[in-house]
Protein backbone atom coordinates (compact mmCIF):
# COMPACT_ATOMS: atom_id res chain seq x y z
CA UNK A 1 -81.16 66.67 42.79
CA UNK A 2 -81.78 69.77 45.30
CA UNK A 3 -84.92 70.97 47.09
CA UNK A 4 -85.62 73.85 46.77
CA UNK A 5 -85.51 76.28 50.78
CA UNK A 6 -88.91 76.79 51.83
CA UNK A 7 -87.98 78.23 54.57
CA UNK A 8 -89.11 81.76 56.32
CA UNK A 9 -85.52 82.84 55.59
CA UNK A 10 -85.20 82.04 52.39
CA UNK A 11 -87.89 83.52 51.65
CA UNK A 12 -87.40 86.83 53.10
CA UNK A 13 -83.69 86.96 51.35
CA UNK A 14 -85.31 86.84 47.86
CA UNK A 15 -84.16 90.03 46.31
CA UNK A 16 -86.81 93.26 45.30
CA UNK A 17 -87.61 94.45 42.19
CA UNK A 18 -86.47 98.13 42.37
CA UNK A 19 -89.36 100.48 41.55
CA UNK A 20 -88.63 102.82 38.82
CA UNK A 21 -89.21 106.45 39.48
CA UNK A 22 -90.57 108.57 36.61
CA UNK A 23 -89.38 111.82 36.81
CA UNK A 24 -92.00 114.95 36.90
CA UNK A 25 -91.63 115.98 32.74
CA UNK A 26 -92.42 111.53 32.33
CA UNK A 27 -95.36 111.86 34.02
CA UNK A 28 -96.74 115.31 32.60
CA UNK A 29 -96.53 113.21 29.32
CA UNK A 30 -97.87 109.86 30.28
CA UNK A 31 -100.64 112.58 31.49
CA UNK A 32 -101.34 114.33 28.22
CA UNK A 33 -101.00 110.79 26.95
CA UNK A 34 -103.74 109.49 28.83
CA UNK A 35 -105.99 112.49 28.47
CA UNK A 36 -106.31 112.28 24.40
CA UNK A 37 -107.50 108.89 24.74
CA UNK A 38 -109.77 109.30 27.37
CA UNK A 39 -112.64 110.39 25.52
CA UNK A 40 -115.61 111.08 28.28
CA UNK A 41 -112.87 112.27 30.53
CA UNK A 42 -113.75 109.45 33.13
CA UNK A 43 -110.35 109.49 34.81
CA UNK A 44 -110.49 105.73 33.13
CA UNK A 45 -109.85 103.95 29.82
CA UNK A 46 -112.64 101.70 28.51
CA UNK A 47 -112.53 98.92 27.13
CA UNK A 48 -113.26 101.07 23.31
CA UNK A 49 -111.26 103.88 24.41
CA UNK A 50 -108.12 101.25 24.77
CA UNK A 51 -109.06 99.10 21.33
CA UNK A 52 -108.87 102.83 20.08
CA UNK A 53 -105.13 103.52 21.47
CA UNK A 54 -104.03 99.95 20.06
CA UNK A 55 -105.22 100.64 16.43
CA UNK A 56 -103.53 104.56 16.63
CA UNK A 57 -100.18 102.95 17.25
CA UNK A 58 -100.76 100.60 14.08
CA UNK A 59 -102.21 96.93 16.23
CA UNK A 60 -104.79 94.68 14.51
CA UNK A 61 -106.19 93.30 18.22
CA UNK A 62 -109.05 91.37 18.35
CA UNK A 63 -111.79 91.95 21.07
CA UNK A 64 -110.31 88.59 23.04
CA UNK A 65 -107.03 90.37 23.17
CA UNK A 66 -108.43 94.25 23.92
CA UNK A 67 -110.48 92.20 27.09
CA UNK A 68 -107.07 90.12 27.47
CA UNK A 69 -104.96 93.48 28.19
CA UNK A 70 -108.04 95.50 30.68
CA UNK A 71 -108.18 93.02 33.12
């Protein structure tokens, strides 16, 4: 059995996740979709608004599932 190398050097060599960049058009589409569901125009989505979104997308979710997603 091999022991895992936990030295600082081994930790530095972990591959970094490549950050995905959105195009300007994609950003606009996301903003438009967000605005449709931000009914109170608070620049955030409440528990209730998230539940409405998920149901509009065809998901039947329980309160506990929505609460977990909202964290």
